[in-house]
N, C-alpha and C. Protein backbone atom coordinates (compact mmCIF):
# COMPACT_ATOMS: atom_id res chain seq x y z
N MET A 1 -18.06 -20.94 -5.07
CA MET A 1 -16.61 -21.04 -5.03
C MET A 1 -16.10 -20.58 -3.66
N ARG A 2 -15.20 -21.33 -3.08
CA ARG A 2 -14.64 -20.99 -1.78
C ARG A 2 -13.41 -20.10 -1.97
N LEU A 3 -13.17 -19.26 -0.96
CA LEU A 3 -11.98 -18.42 -0.94
C LEU A 3 -10.76 -19.32 -0.90
N ARG A 4 -9.83 -19.10 -1.82
CA ARG A 4 -8.61 -19.92 -1.90
C ARG A 4 -7.47 -19.16 -1.22
N ILE A 5 -6.94 -19.76 -0.16
CA ILE A 5 -5.89 -19.12 0.62
C ILE A 5 -4.56 -19.84 0.41
N TYR A 6 -3.53 -19.03 0.17
CA TYR A 6 -2.16 -19.54 0.14
C TYR A 6 -1.51 -19.09 1.44
N LEU A 7 -1.00 -20.03 2.23
CA LEU A 7 -0.49 -19.76 3.57
C LEU A 7 1.03 -19.90 3.60
N VAL A 8 1.69 -18.83 4.06
CA VAL A 8 3.15 -18.83 4.20
C VAL A 8 3.45 -18.68 5.68
N GLU A 9 3.82 -19.79 6.30
CA GLU A 9 4.03 -19.86 7.75
C GLU A 9 5.04 -20.97 8.03
N ASP A 10 6.08 -20.66 8.82
CA ASP A 10 7.13 -21.65 9.05
C ASP A 10 6.83 -22.61 10.20
N SER A 11 5.96 -22.24 11.11
CA SER A 11 5.65 -23.11 12.25
C SER A 11 4.59 -24.15 11.86
N PRO A 12 4.93 -25.44 11.91
CA PRO A 12 3.95 -26.47 11.57
C PRO A 12 2.71 -26.42 12.46
N VAL A 13 2.89 -26.08 13.73
CA VAL A 13 1.76 -26.02 14.66
C VAL A 13 0.82 -24.87 14.29
N ILE A 14 1.38 -23.70 14.06
CA ILE A 14 0.56 -22.54 13.68
C ILE A 14 -0.06 -22.76 12.31
N ARG A 15 0.70 -23.33 11.39
CA ARG A 15 0.18 -23.60 10.03
C ARG A 15 -1.03 -24.53 10.10
N ALA A 16 -0.94 -25.58 10.90
CA ALA A 16 -2.05 -26.54 11.03
C ALA A 16 -3.27 -25.88 11.68
N ALA A 17 -3.03 -25.11 12.74
CA ALA A 17 -4.13 -24.45 13.44
C ALA A 17 -4.81 -23.41 12.54
N LEU A 18 -4.01 -22.63 11.82
CA LEU A 18 -4.58 -21.63 10.91
C LEU A 18 -5.37 -22.29 9.78
N SER A 19 -4.80 -23.32 9.21
CA SER A 19 -5.49 -24.02 8.11
C SER A 19 -6.84 -24.54 8.58
N GLU A 20 -6.84 -25.18 9.74
CA GLU A 20 -8.08 -25.74 10.28
C GLU A 20 -9.11 -24.66 10.56
N SER A 21 -8.68 -23.59 11.23
CA SER A 21 -9.64 -22.53 11.57
C SER A 21 -10.14 -21.80 10.34
N LEU A 22 -9.28 -21.56 9.37
CA LEU A 22 -9.72 -20.88 8.14
C LEU A 22 -10.72 -21.73 7.37
N GLU A 23 -10.51 -23.02 7.36
CA GLU A 23 -11.43 -23.89 6.64
C GLU A 23 -12.74 -24.08 7.40
N GLU A 24 -12.66 -24.24 8.73
CA GLU A 24 -13.88 -24.49 9.52
C GLU A 24 -14.66 -23.22 9.84
N LEU A 25 -13.98 -22.19 10.33
CA LEU A 25 -14.67 -20.98 10.76
C LEU A 25 -15.02 -20.05 9.61
N VAL A 26 -14.15 -19.96 8.64
CA VAL A 26 -14.33 -19.00 7.56
C VAL A 26 -14.94 -19.65 6.33
N GLY A 27 -14.76 -20.95 6.18
CA GLY A 27 -15.26 -21.64 5.00
C GLY A 27 -14.35 -21.49 3.80
N ALA A 28 -13.10 -21.13 4.06
CA ALA A 28 -12.11 -20.98 2.99
C ALA A 28 -11.42 -22.32 2.73
N ARG A 29 -10.62 -22.35 1.70
CA ARG A 29 -9.84 -23.55 1.37
C ARG A 29 -8.38 -23.16 1.26
N VAL A 30 -7.52 -23.78 2.06
CA VAL A 30 -6.08 -23.54 1.96
C VAL A 30 -5.57 -24.38 0.81
N VAL A 31 -5.11 -23.72 -0.26
CA VAL A 31 -4.71 -24.43 -1.47
C VAL A 31 -3.29 -24.97 -1.40
N ASP A 32 -2.45 -24.32 -0.60
CA ASP A 32 -1.08 -24.81 -0.44
C ASP A 32 -0.42 -23.97 0.65
N CYS A 33 0.76 -24.43 1.10
CA CYS A 33 1.50 -23.75 2.16
C CYS A 33 2.99 -23.74 1.82
N ALA A 34 3.69 -22.80 2.40
CA ALA A 34 5.14 -22.73 2.27
C ALA A 34 5.73 -22.31 3.61
N SER A 35 6.99 -22.68 3.84
CA SER A 35 7.65 -22.29 5.08
C SER A 35 8.91 -21.47 4.83
N THR A 36 9.26 -21.24 3.53
CA THR A 36 10.42 -20.43 3.19
C THR A 36 10.06 -19.40 2.13
N GLU A 37 10.87 -18.36 2.06
CA GLU A 37 10.67 -17.32 1.05
C GLU A 37 10.77 -17.89 -0.36
N ASP A 38 11.81 -18.68 -0.62
CA ASP A 38 12.00 -19.24 -1.97
C ASP A 38 10.83 -20.10 -2.40
N GLU A 39 10.40 -20.98 -1.50
CA GLU A 39 9.27 -21.87 -1.80
C GLU A 39 8.00 -21.06 -2.08
N ALA A 40 7.74 -20.05 -1.27
CA ALA A 40 6.54 -19.22 -1.44
C ALA A 40 6.59 -18.44 -2.75
N CYS A 41 7.70 -17.79 -3.02
CA CYS A 41 7.82 -16.99 -4.25
C CYS A 41 7.70 -17.86 -5.49
N ARG A 42 8.28 -19.05 -5.44
CA ARG A 42 8.20 -19.97 -6.57
C ARG A 42 6.75 -20.41 -6.81
N TRP A 43 6.06 -20.80 -5.73
CA TRP A 43 4.67 -21.25 -5.88
C TRP A 43 3.80 -20.13 -6.42
N LEU A 44 3.94 -18.94 -5.89
CA LEU A 44 3.14 -17.80 -6.34
C LEU A 44 3.40 -17.49 -7.82
N ALA A 45 4.65 -17.59 -8.24
CA ALA A 45 4.98 -17.34 -9.64
C ALA A 45 4.41 -18.43 -10.56
N GLU A 46 4.38 -19.65 -10.09
CA GLU A 46 3.89 -20.77 -10.90
C GLU A 46 2.37 -20.92 -10.86
N HIS A 47 1.70 -20.27 -9.91
CA HIS A 47 0.25 -20.40 -9.74
C HIS A 47 -0.41 -19.02 -9.61
N PRO A 48 -0.21 -18.14 -10.57
CA PRO A 48 -0.70 -16.76 -10.41
C PRO A 48 -2.21 -16.63 -10.30
N GLU A 49 -2.96 -17.58 -10.79
CA GLU A 49 -4.43 -17.50 -10.76
C GLU A 49 -5.07 -18.44 -9.74
N ASP A 50 -4.27 -19.15 -8.96
CA ASP A 50 -4.79 -20.22 -8.10
C ASP A 50 -5.04 -19.81 -6.66
N TRP A 51 -5.04 -18.52 -6.36
CA TRP A 51 -5.27 -18.06 -5.00
C TRP A 51 -6.02 -16.73 -5.00
N ASP A 52 -6.74 -16.51 -3.90
CA ASP A 52 -7.47 -15.25 -3.72
C ASP A 52 -6.87 -14.41 -2.59
N LEU A 53 -6.35 -15.10 -1.57
CA LEU A 53 -5.80 -14.42 -0.40
C LEU A 53 -4.51 -15.11 0.01
N ALA A 54 -3.42 -14.35 0.08
CA ALA A 54 -2.16 -14.87 0.59
C ALA A 54 -2.00 -14.38 2.02
N VAL A 55 -1.76 -15.31 2.94
CA VAL A 55 -1.55 -14.98 4.35
C VAL A 55 -0.09 -15.30 4.65
N ILE A 56 0.68 -14.26 5.01
CA ILE A 56 2.14 -14.38 5.05
C ILE A 56 2.68 -13.97 6.41
N ASP A 57 3.49 -14.84 7.01
CA ASP A 57 4.23 -14.52 8.22
C ASP A 57 5.53 -13.82 7.80
N LEU A 58 6.07 -12.98 8.66
CA LEU A 58 7.31 -12.27 8.31
C LEU A 58 8.55 -13.10 8.52
N PHE A 59 8.59 -13.89 9.60
CA PHE A 59 9.79 -14.67 9.92
C PHE A 59 9.59 -16.10 9.43
N LEU A 60 10.43 -16.51 8.49
CA LEU A 60 10.31 -17.82 7.85
C LEU A 60 11.56 -18.64 8.10
N LEU A 61 11.52 -19.93 7.76
CA LEU A 61 12.70 -20.78 7.92
C LEU A 61 13.88 -20.27 7.11
N GLN A 62 13.59 -19.69 5.96
CA GLN A 62 14.60 -19.08 5.10
C GLN A 62 13.99 -17.84 4.49
N GLY A 63 14.71 -16.75 4.52
CA GLY A 63 14.24 -15.53 3.88
C GLY A 63 13.24 -14.77 4.74
N SER A 64 12.53 -13.85 4.06
CA SER A 64 11.64 -12.94 4.75
C SER A 64 10.26 -12.92 4.11
N GLY A 65 9.24 -12.88 4.95
CA GLY A 65 7.89 -12.74 4.44
C GLY A 65 7.69 -11.41 3.73
N LEU A 66 8.44 -10.40 4.11
CA LEU A 66 8.33 -9.11 3.43
C LEU A 66 8.71 -9.24 1.96
N ASN A 67 9.69 -10.04 1.65
CA ASN A 67 10.05 -10.28 0.25
C ASN A 67 8.97 -11.06 -0.49
N VAL A 68 8.27 -11.94 0.23
CA VAL A 68 7.15 -12.66 -0.38
C VAL A 68 6.04 -11.67 -0.71
N VAL A 69 5.76 -10.75 0.21
CA VAL A 69 4.76 -9.71 -0.05
C VAL A 69 5.13 -8.94 -1.30
N LYS A 70 6.37 -8.52 -1.39
CA LYS A 70 6.83 -7.74 -2.55
C LYS A 70 6.73 -8.55 -3.84
N SER A 71 6.89 -9.87 -3.75
CA SER A 71 6.80 -10.71 -4.96
C SER A 71 5.39 -10.78 -5.52
N CYS A 72 4.42 -10.34 -4.73
CA CYS A 72 3.01 -10.35 -5.16
C CYS A 72 2.61 -9.04 -5.85
N SER A 73 3.55 -8.21 -6.18
CA SER A 73 3.24 -6.88 -6.71
C SER A 73 2.48 -6.92 -8.03
N ASN A 74 2.63 -7.98 -8.79
CA ASN A 74 1.94 -8.07 -10.09
C ASN A 74 0.65 -8.87 -10.00
N ARG A 75 0.12 -9.06 -8.82
CA ARG A 75 -1.10 -9.84 -8.65
C ARG A 75 -2.30 -9.11 -9.24
N ALA A 76 -3.37 -9.87 -9.46
CA ALA A 76 -4.62 -9.29 -9.95
C ALA A 76 -5.23 -8.43 -8.86
N LEU A 77 -6.03 -7.46 -9.25
CA LEU A 77 -6.67 -6.57 -8.28
C LEU A 77 -7.54 -7.32 -7.28
N ARG A 78 -8.11 -8.44 -7.71
CA ARG A 78 -9.00 -9.22 -6.84
C ARG A 78 -8.23 -9.98 -5.76
N GLN A 79 -6.93 -10.16 -5.93
CA GLN A 79 -6.14 -10.93 -4.99
C GLN A 79 -5.62 -10.02 -3.87
N LYS A 80 -5.73 -10.51 -2.64
CA LYS A 80 -5.32 -9.74 -1.47
C LYS A 80 -4.16 -10.42 -0.77
N VAL A 81 -3.31 -9.60 -0.15
CA VAL A 81 -2.15 -10.09 0.59
C VAL A 81 -2.23 -9.54 2.01
N VAL A 82 -2.17 -10.46 2.98
CA VAL A 82 -2.25 -10.10 4.39
C VAL A 82 -1.01 -10.62 5.10
N VAL A 83 -0.45 -9.79 5.97
CA VAL A 83 0.64 -10.23 6.82
C VAL A 83 0.04 -10.56 8.18
N LEU A 84 0.32 -11.76 8.66
CA LEU A 84 -0.10 -12.22 9.98
C LEU A 84 1.17 -12.59 10.74
N THR A 85 1.57 -11.75 11.69
CA THR A 85 2.87 -11.88 12.31
C THR A 85 2.81 -11.64 13.81
N GLY A 86 3.80 -12.09 14.49
CA GLY A 86 3.96 -11.79 15.90
C GLY A 86 4.81 -10.55 16.11
N TYR A 87 5.16 -9.89 15.02
CA TYR A 87 6.05 -8.72 15.08
C TYR A 87 5.40 -7.54 14.34
N ALA A 88 4.21 -7.16 14.79
CA ALA A 88 3.46 -6.11 14.10
C ALA A 88 3.66 -4.75 14.76
N THR A 89 4.92 -4.32 14.83
CA THR A 89 5.21 -2.99 15.36
C THR A 89 4.71 -1.94 14.37
N PRO A 90 4.52 -0.71 14.81
CA PRO A 90 4.09 0.33 13.87
C PRO A 90 5.03 0.48 12.67
N ALA A 91 6.32 0.43 12.90
CA ALA A 91 7.28 0.56 11.79
C ALA A 91 7.17 -0.63 10.83
N MET A 92 7.02 -1.84 11.37
CA MET A 92 6.90 -3.02 10.50
C MET A 92 5.58 -3.01 9.74
N ARG A 93 4.52 -2.58 10.37
CA ARG A 93 3.24 -2.45 9.66
C ARG A 93 3.40 -1.53 8.45
N GLN A 94 4.06 -0.41 8.67
CA GLN A 94 4.26 0.55 7.58
C GLN A 94 5.10 -0.06 6.46
N ARG A 95 6.14 -0.79 6.81
CA ARG A 95 6.97 -1.44 5.79
C ARG A 95 6.17 -2.46 4.99
N CYS A 96 5.33 -3.22 5.67
CA CYS A 96 4.51 -4.23 4.99
C CYS A 96 3.52 -3.56 4.03
N LEU A 97 2.86 -2.52 4.50
CA LEU A 97 1.88 -1.82 3.66
C LEU A 97 2.59 -1.15 2.48
N ALA A 98 3.75 -0.56 2.73
CA ALA A 98 4.52 0.06 1.65
C ALA A 98 5.01 -0.99 0.66
N GLY A 99 5.25 -2.21 1.13
CA GLY A 99 5.70 -3.30 0.27
C GLY A 99 4.59 -3.95 -0.53
N GLY A 100 3.34 -3.58 -0.24
CA GLY A 100 2.23 -4.10 -1.03
C GLY A 100 1.18 -4.90 -0.28
N ALA A 101 1.34 -5.05 1.03
CA ALA A 101 0.32 -5.78 1.80
C ALA A 101 -0.96 -4.96 1.87
N ASP A 102 -2.08 -5.64 1.86
CA ASP A 102 -3.38 -4.99 1.99
C ASP A 102 -3.75 -4.76 3.45
N ALA A 103 -3.21 -5.59 4.34
CA ALA A 103 -3.49 -5.47 5.77
C ALA A 103 -2.41 -6.20 6.55
N VAL A 104 -2.26 -5.81 7.81
CA VAL A 104 -1.29 -6.44 8.71
C VAL A 104 -2.00 -6.71 10.03
N PHE A 105 -1.85 -7.94 10.53
CA PHE A 105 -2.48 -8.34 11.79
C PHE A 105 -1.45 -8.99 12.70
N ASP A 106 -1.58 -8.73 14.00
CA ASP A 106 -0.72 -9.34 15.00
C ASP A 106 -1.33 -10.69 15.40
N LYS A 107 -0.53 -11.73 15.37
CA LYS A 107 -1.02 -13.08 15.71
C LYS A 107 -1.56 -13.16 17.13
N ALA A 108 -0.94 -12.44 18.05
CA ALA A 108 -1.29 -12.56 19.46
C ALA A 108 -2.50 -11.71 19.85
N THR A 109 -2.68 -10.56 19.22
CA THR A 109 -3.70 -9.63 19.70
C THR A 109 -4.79 -9.29 18.69
N GLU A 110 -4.62 -9.69 17.42
CA GLU A 110 -5.58 -9.28 16.39
C GLU A 110 -6.13 -10.44 15.58
N ILE A 111 -6.21 -11.61 16.19
CA ILE A 111 -6.70 -12.78 15.46
C ILE A 111 -8.18 -12.64 15.12
N ASP A 112 -8.95 -11.98 15.98
CA ASP A 112 -10.37 -11.75 15.68
C ASP A 112 -10.52 -10.82 14.48
N GLU A 113 -9.70 -9.78 14.43
CA GLU A 113 -9.72 -8.84 13.31
C GLU A 113 -9.32 -9.55 12.01
N PHE A 114 -8.32 -10.43 12.11
CA PHE A 114 -7.90 -11.21 10.94
C PHE A 114 -9.03 -12.10 10.46
N THR A 115 -9.70 -12.77 11.38
CA THR A 115 -10.82 -13.66 11.02
C THR A 115 -11.93 -12.87 10.35
N THR A 116 -12.23 -11.70 10.87
CA THR A 116 -13.25 -10.83 10.26
C THR A 116 -12.83 -10.43 8.85
N TYR A 117 -11.57 -10.10 8.67
CA TYR A 117 -11.05 -9.75 7.34
C TYR A 117 -11.25 -10.92 6.38
N ALA A 118 -10.88 -12.12 6.83
CA ALA A 118 -11.02 -13.31 5.98
C ALA A 118 -12.48 -13.57 5.64
N LEU A 119 -13.37 -13.42 6.62
CA LEU A 119 -14.81 -13.59 6.35
C LEU A 119 -15.30 -12.59 5.31
N ASN A 120 -14.85 -11.35 5.41
CA ASN A 120 -15.22 -10.34 4.42
C ASN A 120 -14.69 -10.71 3.04
N GLU A 121 -13.53 -11.29 2.97
CA GLU A 121 -12.98 -11.73 1.69
C GLU A 121 -13.80 -12.88 1.11
N VAL A 122 -14.27 -13.79 1.97
CA VAL A 122 -15.14 -14.87 1.51
C VAL A 122 -16.38 -14.28 0.86
N GLU A 123 -16.99 -13.31 1.53
CA GLU A 123 -18.20 -12.67 0.98
C GLU A 123 -17.90 -11.95 -0.33
N ARG A 124 -16.76 -11.27 -0.40
CA ARG A 124 -16.39 -10.55 -1.62
C ARG A 124 -16.20 -11.51 -2.78
N VAL A 125 -15.47 -12.60 -2.54
CA VAL A 125 -15.22 -13.57 -3.60
C VAL A 125 -16.53 -14.24 -4.05
N MET A 126 -17.37 -14.58 -3.09
CA MET A 126 -18.65 -15.20 -3.45
C MET A 126 -19.49 -14.24 -4.26
N GLY A 127 -19.47 -12.98 -3.91
CA GLY A 127 -20.21 -11.97 -4.66
C GLY A 127 -19.72 -11.83 -6.08
N GLU A 128 -18.41 -11.98 -6.29
CA GLU A 128 -17.83 -11.88 -7.62
C GLU A 128 -18.15 -13.09 -8.49
N THR A 129 -18.44 -14.22 -7.88
CA THR A 129 -18.61 -15.45 -8.65
C THR A 129 -20.07 -15.88 -8.78
N ARG A 130 -21.00 -15.11 -8.25
CA ARG A 130 -22.41 -15.50 -8.31
C ARG A 130 -23.01 -15.30 -9.69
N TYR A 131 -22.47 -14.40 -10.46
CA TYR A 131 -23.11 -14.05 -11.74
C TYR A 131 -22.30 -14.48 -12.92
C-alpha cells in the first residue's frame, strides 16, 4: 500500500511540482488536492479514512491552512498532518503545532527535511500494512 497524501496548496505550479515529486521520489500517491479552506475541510470530513498524510499550506485562495489543520483534530492516530509553508516563523510554527500539526516545514529552506519526513511516513505506513 502506498502512502496516501492529501495536498492543500493554492498555487497550481507548486501543487503540480509537489505532487510529481511526492509520487516519484517518495513513492506516495496524492489522492486529491484543494486550494481553499472550505474545499479542504469538506473533503477531509467526507473522506476520513482515505488519507495517511495531509500536507497543508497556510495561505490559501480562501481561508487559512491553520483552520484546515484544526479541522483534522479528530483524525486517527495513524494519520499525520504537516504544514509546508513559505511563512514558517517561530511564532507560526508554534501556532501550527498547537493547532494540531505534527510537523512544520519551510518551503524554501526545509524541502529536504520535508522529503525525509514523507519517506519516513512511507516506511511507517508500509510497516503497518505488511501483516
